[in-house]
C-alpha atoms as a PDB file:
ATOM      1  CA  MET A   1       0.000   0.000   0.000  1.00  0.00           C
ATOM      2  CA  LYS A   2       1.427   3.363  -0.997  1.00  0.00           C
ATOM      3  CA  LYS A   3       1.772   6.128   1.580  1.00  0.00           C
ATOM      4  CA  GLY A   4      -0.815   8.445   0.018  1.00  0.00           C
ATOM      5  CA  SER A   5      -3.364   5.792  -0.858  1.00  0.00           C
ATOM      6  CA  PRO A   6      -6.972   6.107   0.350  1.00  0.00           C
ATOM      7  CA  ARG A   7      -6.694   2.851   2.311  1.00  0.00           C
ATOM      8  CA  SER A   8      -3.941   4.282   4.517  1.00  0.00           C
ATOM      9  CA  TRP A   9      -6.063   7.361   5.234  1.00  0.00           C
ATOM     10  CA  LEU A  10      -9.101   5.234   6.035  1.00  0.00           C
ATOM     11  CA  LYS A  11      -7.096   3.333   8.627  1.00  0.00           C
ATOM     12  CA  TYR A  12      -6.277   6.540  10.502  1.00  0.00           C
ATOM     13  CA  ILE A  13      -9.806   7.887  10.168  1.00  0.00           C
ATOM     14  CA  GLY A  14     -11.017   4.640  11.751  1.00  0.00           C
ATOM     15  CA  LEU A  15      -8.549   5.024  14.622  1.00  0.00           C
ATOM     16  CA  THR A  16      -9.766   8.593  15.180  1.00  0.00           C
ATOM     17  CA  ALA A  17     -13.406   7.508  15.220  1.00  0.00           C
ATOM     18  CA  GLN A  18     -12.585   4.775  17.742  1.00  0.00           C
ATOM     19  CA  LEU A  19     -10.744   7.260  19.939  1.00  0.00           C
ATOM     20  CA  LEU A  20     -13.637   9.727  19.933  1.00  0.00           C
ATOM     21  CA  ALA A  21     -16.180   7.014  20.701  1.00  0.00           C
ATOM     22  CA  LEU A  22     -14.075   5.632  23.553  1.00  0.00           C
ATOM     23  CA  ILE A  23     -13.520   9.073  25.066  1.00  0.00           C
ATOM     24  CA  LEU A  24     -17.231   9.885  24.941  1.00  0.00           C
ATOM     25  CA  PHE A  25     -18.092   6.522  26.486  1.00  0.00           C
ATOM     26  CA  SER A  26     -15.449   6.904  29.223  1.00  0.00           C
ATOM     27  CA  VAL A  27     -16.709  10.392  30.128  1.00  0.00           C
ATOM     28  CA  TYR A  28     -20.273   9.098  30.342  1.00  0.00           C
ATOM     29  CA  ALA A  29     -19.163   6.066  32.379  1.00  0.00           C
ATOM     30  CA  GLY A  30     -17.077   8.325  34.633  1.00  0.00           C
ATOM     31  CA  LEU A  31     -20.026  10.607  35.300  1.00  0.00           C
ATOM     32  CA  TRP A  32     -22.252   7.608  36.023  1.00  0.00           C
ATOM     33  CA  LEU A  33     -19.706   5.979  38.372  1.00  0.00           C
ATOM     34  CA  ASP A  34     -19.034   9.251  40.194  1.00  0.00           C
ATOM     35  CA  LYS A  35     -22.747   9.739  40.749  1.00  0.00           C
ATOM     36  CA  LYS A  36     -23.258   6.119  41.825  1.00  0.00           C
ATOM     37  CA  LEU A  37     -20.266   5.989  44.202  1.00  0.00           C
ATOM     38  CA  GLN A  38     -20.413   9.670  45.239  1.00  0.00           C
ATOM     39  CA  VAL A  39     -16.729  10.346  44.556  1.00  0.00           C
ATOM     40  CA  SER A  40     -17.270  13.479  42.477  1.00  0.00           C
ATOM     41  CA  PRO A  41     -14.581  13.993  39.813  1.00  0.00           C
ATOM     42  CA  LEU A  42     -12.481  10.844  40.373  1.00  0.00           C
ATOM     43  CA  PHE A  43     -13.704   8.548  37.591  1.00  0.00           C
ATOM     44  CA  LEU A  44     -14.512  11.467  35.306  1.00  0.00           C
ATOM     45  CA  ILE A  45     -10.778  12.213  35.266  1.00  0.00           C
ATOM     46  CA  VAL A  46      -9.279   8.714  35.555  1.00  0.00           C
ATOM     47  CA  LEU A  47     -11.289   6.866  32.882  1.00  0.00           C
ATOM     48  CA  PRO A  48     -10.685   9.285  29.968  1.00  0.00           C
ATOM     49  CA  LEU A  49      -6.983   9.486  30.865  1.00  0.00           C
ATOM     50  CA  ALA A  50      -6.736   5.692  30.865  1.00  0.00           C
ATOM     51  CA  VAL A  51      -8.505   5.582  27.492  1.00  0.00           C
ATOM     52  CA  LEU A  52      -6.121   8.193  26.083  1.00  0.00           C
ATOM     53  CA  GLY A  53      -3.128   6.221  27.333  1.00  0.00           C
ATOM     54  CA  GLY A  54      -4.402   3.050  25.716  1.00  0.00           C
ATOM     55  CA  ALA A  55      -5.299   4.863  22.506  1.00  0.00           C
ATOM     56  CA  PHE A  56      -1.869   6.449  22.175  1.00  0.00           C
ATOM     57  CA  TYR A  57      -0.248   3.064  22.787  1.00  0.00           C
ATOM     58  CA  ASN A  58      -2.453   1.564  20.060  1.00  0.00           C
ATOM     59  CA  LEU A  59      -1.618   4.445  17.713  1.00  0.00           C
ATOM     60  CA  TYR A  60       2.090   3.922  18.411  1.00  0.00           C
ATOM     61  CA  LYS A  61       1.803   0.218  17.572  1.00  0.00           C
ATOM     62  CA  GLU A  62      -0.180   0.901  14.378  1.00  0.00           C
ATOM     63  CA  THR A  63       2.183   3.560  13.054  1.00  0.00           C
ATOM     64  CA  ASN A  64       5.352   1.579  13.781  1.00  0.00           C
ATOM     65  CA  LYS A  65       4.283  -1.646  12.069  1.00  0.00           C
ATOM     66  CA  LYS A  66       6.617  -2.855   9.383  1.00  0.00           C
ATOM     67  CA  ASN A  67       4.849  -2.626   6.043  1.00  0.00           C
ATOM     68  CA  PRO A  68       5.730  -5.581   3.772  1.00  0.00           C
ATOM     69  CA  ASP A  69       4.723  -3.579   0.654  1.00  0.00           C
ATOM     70  CA  GLU A  70       7.512  -1.039   1.075  1.00  0.00           C
END
């Protein structure tokens, strides 16, 4: 796959969509857990940060894969 091909762009658009969905879900889950456990901003802060850490690790792995087509 060439560097400027549409398939390479679609891969990164998919990663971005996953990241946005996970962040929105983690914020919602954090708000729900904070309300349920009455520990105000704890999970609202921790869950999105954990998701970001995992997402950046996944992005790092995806961008550093050896491409057999090159």
